[in-house]
Protein backbone atom coordinates (compact mmCIF):
# COMPACT_ATOMS: atom_id res chain seq x y z
CA MET A 1 56.58 -21.70 -0.62
CA GLU A 2 57.81 -20.16 2.65
CA ALA A 3 59.88 -22.75 4.53
CA ILE A 4 58.69 -23.69 8.02
CA LYS A 5 61.28 -24.54 10.77
CA ILE A 6 60.42 -27.86 12.26
CA ASP A 7 62.35 -28.87 15.49
CA ASN A 8 61.14 -32.56 15.70
CA GLU A 9 63.30 -34.71 13.51
CA THR A 10 60.55 -37.28 12.50
CA LEU A 11 58.14 -34.44 11.71
CA ASN A 12 60.82 -32.57 9.74
CA LYS A 13 61.30 -35.76 7.48
CA ALA A 14 57.62 -35.72 6.70
CA TYR A 15 57.78 -32.01 6.08
CA LEU A 16 60.68 -32.22 3.62
CA ASP A 17 58.79 -34.98 1.63
CA TYR A 18 55.79 -32.52 1.51
CA VAL A 19 58.00 -29.75 0.19
CA ASP A 20 59.02 -32.11 -2.70
CA ARG A 21 55.50 -33.04 -3.47
CA HIS A 22 54.34 -29.58 -3.24
CA LYS A 23 56.86 -28.49 -5.82
CA ASN A 24 55.79 -31.13 -8.19
CA VAL A 25 52.08 -29.94 -7.78
CA SER A 26 53.13 -26.36 -8.04
CA ASP A 27 54.81 -27.13 -11.44
CA PHE A 28 51.59 -28.73 -12.66
CA PHE A 29 49.56 -25.72 -11.62
CA SER A 30 51.88 -23.33 -13.37
CA PHE A 31 50.93 -25.41 -16.47
CA ILE A 32 47.33 -25.07 -15.65
CA ASP A 33 47.76 -21.20 -15.37
CA PHE A 34 49.31 -21.17 -18.80
CA LEU A 35 46.42 -23.27 -20.29
CA GLU A 36 43.85 -20.98 -18.72
CA ASN A 37 45.48 -17.83 -19.92
CA HIS A 38 46.27 -18.73 -23.60
CA LYS A 39 44.32 -19.44 -26.83
CA THR A 40 45.11 -21.81 -29.49
CA ILE A 41 47.64 -23.92 -27.70
CA SER A 42 49.79 -26.46 -29.43
CA ILE A 43 53.02 -28.33 -28.41
CA GLN A 44 55.88 -29.30 -30.64
CA GLY A 45 57.95 -32.40 -30.50
CA GLU A 46 60.69 -34.11 -32.44
CA ASP A 47 59.95 -37.57 -33.82
CA LYS A 48 62.46 -40.00 -31.97
CA ILE A 49 63.14 -42.02 -35.33
CA ASN A 50 63.16 -39.67 -38.26
CA LEU A 51 63.88 -36.50 -36.19
CA THR A 52 60.94 -34.53 -37.88
CA ALA A 53 59.10 -31.79 -36.09
CA ASN A 54 55.46 -32.64 -35.08
CA PHE A 55 52.77 -30.33 -33.66
CA PHE A 56 49.86 -31.34 -31.45
CA LYS A 57 47.01 -29.04 -30.80
CA ILE A 58 45.45 -28.91 -27.33
CA ASN A 59 41.71 -28.65 -27.51
CA LYS A 60 39.09 -27.46 -25.02
CA ASP A 61 38.17 -30.96 -23.93
CA LEU A 62 41.85 -31.96 -23.34
CA ILE A 63 42.58 -28.81 -21.34
CA GLN A 64 39.51 -29.62 -19.16
CA THR A 65 40.73 -33.14 -18.62
CA ILE A 66 44.15 -31.88 -17.61
CA GLN A 67 42.58 -29.38 -15.21
CA SER A 68 40.53 -32.18 -13.59
CA SER A 69 43.48 -33.97 -12.86
CA GLY A 70 44.50 -31.26 -10.61
CA PHE A 71 41.83 -32.40 -8.17
CA LEU A 72 43.43 -35.81 -7.95
CA LEU A 73 46.93 -34.26 -7.38
CA LEU A 74 45.57 -32.01 -4.62
CA TYR A 75 43.62 -34.67 -2.89
CA ASN A 76 46.71 -36.87 -2.92
CA LEU A 77 48.91 -34.02 -1.58
CA ILE A 78 46.44 -33.62 1.39
CA GLU A 79 45.86 -37.13 2.28
CA SER A 80 49.58 -38.29 1.93
CA THR A 81 50.89 -35.21 3.77
CA THR A 82 48.35 -35.44 6.59
CA THR A 83 49.02 -39.14 7.10
CA SER A 84 52.79 -38.65 7.16
CA ALA A 85 52.45 -35.63 9.65
CA ILE A 86 50.19 -37.53 12.04
CA ASP A 87 52.38 -40.76 11.60
CA SER A 88 55.35 -38.65 12.91
CA ILE A 89 53.51 -38.15 16.20
CA TYR A 90 53.08 -41.98 16.58
CA GLU A 91 56.68 -42.57 15.70
CA THR A 92 57.79 -40.00 18.29
CA LEU A 93 55.55 -41.68 20.84
CA ASN A 94 56.79 -45.11 20.13
CA TYR A 95 60.38 -43.82 20.51
CA LEU A 96 59.53 -42.27 23.82
CA GLU A 97 57.72 -45.38 25.11
CA VAL A 98 60.76 -47.59 24.40
CA GLN A 99 62.96 -45.16 26.14
CA HIS A 100 60.62 -44.86 29.14
CA GLN A 101 60.22 -48.68 29.43
CA ARG A 102 63.86 -49.22 29.23
CA SER A 103 64.33 -46.71 32.10
CA GLU A 104 61.55 -48.38 34.10
CA LEU A 105 63.10 -52.01 33.80
CA GLU A 106 66.51 -50.57 34.99
CA GLN A 107 64.72 -49.62 38.16
CA HIS A 108 62.83 -52.83 38.33
CA PHE A 109 59.54 -50.93 38.20
CA ILE A 110 57.01 -50.94 35.32
CA ASN A 111 54.70 -47.89 34.92
CA PRO A 112 53.18 -47.98 31.46
CA PHE A 113 54.02 -44.98 29.33
CA ILE A 114 50.46 -44.45 28.08
CA PHE A 115 49.57 -43.28 31.61
CA LYS A 116 51.80 -40.41 31.16
CA LEU A 117 49.85 -39.14 28.07
CA ASN A 118 46.91 -36.84 27.91
CA GLU A 119 43.53 -38.23 28.28
CA LYS A 120 42.30 -37.98 24.68
CA LEU A 121 45.58 -39.56 23.27
CA ARG A 122 45.47 -42.28 26.16
CA LYS A 123 41.81 -43.17 25.24
CA THR A 124 42.71 -43.45 21.57
CA ILE A 125 45.54 -45.64 22.09
CA ILE A 126 43.67 -47.93 24.58
CA GLU A 127 40.80 -48.21 22.30
CA ARG A 128 42.88 -49.18 19.37
CA TYR A 129 44.99 -51.56 21.57
CA ALA A 130 41.86 -53.48 22.67
CA LYS A 131 40.58 -53.73 18.99
CA SER A 132 43.79 -55.20 18.00
CA PHE A 133 42.82 -58.42 19.78
CA SER A 134 40.60 -59.93 17.05
CA ASP A 135 40.53 -63.62 16.36
CA LYS A 136 42.86 -63.14 13.37
CA ASN A 137 45.42 -61.12 15.55
CA ILE A 138 45.18 -63.61 18.45
CA ASN A 139 46.18 -66.48 16.36
CA GLN A 140 48.96 -64.43 14.89
CA ILE A 141 50.21 -63.79 18.55
CA LEU A 142 49.93 -67.35 19.32
CA THR A 143 51.68 -68.73 16.26
CA GLN A 144 54.26 -66.12 16.19
CA LYS A 145 54.70 -65.80 19.92
CA GLU A 146 54.59 -61.98 19.58
CA CYS A 147 54.77 -59.61 22.71
CA PHE A 148 51.37 -57.90 22.96
CA PHE A 149 52.03 -55.91 26.04
CA PHE A 150 54.67 -53.55 24.46
CA PRO A 151 54.61 -51.21 22.63
CA MET A 152 51.25 -49.98 23.38
CA THR A 153 51.26 -46.67 21.45
CA THR A 154 51.42 -48.24 18.14
CA LYS A 155 49.68 -51.75 18.74
CA GLY A 156 46.82 -51.94 16.24
CA TYR A 157 47.85 -48.72 14.64
CA ASP A 158 48.22 -48.57 10.88
CA LYS A 159 48.60 -45.11 9.04
CA ARG A 160 47.11 -46.66 5.94
CA TYR A 161 43.68 -46.59 7.63
CA LEU A 162 43.65 -43.19 8.97
CA PHE A 163 41.37 -41.64 6.37
CA ASN A 164 40.35 -44.16 3.78
CA GLY A 165 39.84 -41.77 0.87
CA ASN A 166 37.39 -39.33 2.68
CA ILE A 167 39.66 -36.56 4.08
CA ASP A 168 38.48 -33.02 4.62
CA CYS A 169 38.93 -30.38 7.34
CA ARG A 170 36.11 -31.79 9.40
CA LEU A 171 37.98 -35.26 9.51
CA ILE A 172 41.40 -33.67 10.17
CA ASP A 173 40.05 -31.51 12.96
CA ASP A 174 38.04 -34.46 14.42
CA ILE A 175 41.28 -36.63 14.60
CA ALA A 176 43.49 -33.84 15.77
CA LYS A 177 41.27 -32.58 18.62
CA LYS A 178 39.39 -35.71 19.69
CA GLN A 179 42.13 -38.28 19.22
CA LEU A 180 45.29 -36.32 19.83
CA GLY A 181 44.39 -33.11 21.61
CA ILE A 182 45.78 -30.81 18.90
CA GLN A 183 44.32 -27.53 18.00
CA ILE A 184 45.17 -26.72 14.30
CA THR A 185 45.98 -22.95 14.16
CA PRO A 186 46.35 -21.11 10.94
CA TYR A 187 50.09 -20.60 10.07
CA LYS A 188 51.07 -16.95 10.30
CA ASN A 189 47.27 -16.03 10.38
CA LYS A 190 46.77 -17.10 6.86
CA PRO A 191 43.44 -19.06 6.94
CA TYR A 192 42.32 -21.85 4.60
CA ASP A 193 38.81 -22.38 3.27
CA PRO A 194 37.43 -25.65 4.59
CA LYS A 195 34.89 -25.38 1.60
CA HIS A 196 37.71 -25.59 -0.78
CA ILE A 197 39.09 -28.77 0.82
CA LEU A 198 35.62 -30.31 0.82
CA GLN A 199 35.26 -29.48 -2.91
CA ILE A 200 38.65 -31.20 -3.64
CA LYS A 201 37.42 -34.33 -1.85
CA THR A 202 33.95 -34.39 -3.53
CA ILE A 203 35.13 -34.00 -7.02
CA ARG A 204 38.05 -36.36 -6.46
CA ASN A 205 35.64 -39.01 -5.26
CA ASP A 206 33.23 -38.35 -8.17
CA LEU A 207 36.17 -38.84 -10.51
CA SER A 208 37.36 -41.94 -8.81
CA HIS A 209 33.90 -43.54 -8.76
CA GLY A 210 32.93 -42.48 -12.30
CA VAL A 211 30.26 -40.11 -11.32
CA GLN A 212 31.82 -37.39 -13.47
CA ALA A 213 33.99 -37.61 -16.58
CA PHE A 214 37.38 -35.87 -16.47
CA HIS A 215 36.34 -33.21 -19.04
CA GLU A 216 33.20 -32.55 -17.14
CA ALA A 217 34.47 -31.98 -13.65
CA SER A 218 36.35 -28.76 -14.47
CA SER A 219 33.95 -27.47 -17.14
CA GLY A 220 32.14 -25.06 -14.70
CA LEU A 221 35.45 -23.80 -12.90
CA ALA A 222 36.07 -20.02 -12.98
CA LEU A 223 39.32 -18.62 -14.24
CA GLY A 224 41.86 -19.09 -11.42
CA GLU A 225 39.49 -21.34 -9.24
CA LEU A 226 41.96 -24.14 -9.23
CA ARG A 227 44.69 -21.89 -8.11
CA GLN A 228 42.62 -20.77 -5.13
CA LEU A 229 41.99 -24.43 -4.19
CA PHE A 230 45.77 -24.98 -4.42
CA THR A 231 46.41 -21.96 -2.10
CA SER A 232 43.74 -23.28 0.48
CA THR A 233 45.62 -26.72 0.38
CA THR A 234 49.09 -25.11 0.87
CA GLN A 235 47.75 -23.04 3.89
CA LEU A 236 45.95 -26.06 5.61
CA LEU A 237 49.12 -28.17 5.32
CA ASN A 238 51.39 -25.35 6.54
CA SER A 239 48.99 -24.93 9.46
CA LEU A 240 49.06 -28.67 10.14
CA PHE A 241 52.80 -28.89 10.35
CA SER A 242 53.31 -25.75 12.38
CA SER A 243 50.44 -26.82 14.89
CA ILE A 244 51.92 -30.42 15.14
CA ASP A 245 55.41 -29.15 15.65
CA LEU A 246 54.31 -26.85 18.50
CA TYR A 247 52.26 -29.82 20.02
CA LEU A 248 55.58 -31.89 19.98
CA ARG A 249 57.89 -29.24 21.11
CA ASN A 250 55.64 -28.33 24.11
CA GLU A 251 55.08 -32.00 24.84
CA CYS A 252 51.26 -31.44 24.67
CA TYR A 253 50.92 -35.25 24.31
CA LEU A 254 51.72 -35.46 28.06
CA GLU A 255 49.04 -35.18 30.72
CA LYS A 256 49.22 -31.87 32.61
CA ILE A 257 50.06 -32.24 36.17
CA PRO A 258 47.96 -29.91 38.29
CA GLU A 259 49.90 -27.27 40.05
CA ARG A 260 49.74 -27.30 43.93
């Protein structure tokens, strides 16, 4: 996989984690390619006790079960990576808010950092901030004497609840555009197929909820179809990282000041 230069330190950490995960998934798909392109497959192992050689034949049902596991790997790669990438935005904003408030206090003047942010992001943060004042959270604030004015950028934010197991291109675009003001652009003009990402989500959910058995989920796949899904996944995530890096580098999270 071609490396992407990431300027933001927090986003780069998420990207390096993605590279490691991608390598693991890529190794699995190399094994899938082998299974798809060979007949009468068996594996050999040496018994740990008596050191004798043993053989195990991999039948068609087992091959299909292994192939179906690929949907879980792909879905996990998409959700974990997208969550980490978006989380890096909030980590960056949290750091900037702390620096801003420190500077404001030194000048004996408080101008909340969120009012410097673009309208979509500001609206997202304020709505989440308001929801954080549930009865449970209010009791926690009272008993633990927590400061609830600052920081606002991450108040009520929890990356664990960004997607809740239903991520696809539509949801990613919805969060990127409506909540953050990010336009996801294909990396180096290499498009990804949203239908592939939806297929990954659908089959993953079917497997998780027992709608399909593992040997059934991949039974109708064409030769090389899983590899195409992996390619689309890679192109989607590369596009996500390059777009977020541009967003952070150009400070698109800030409100544009009209030129006079």
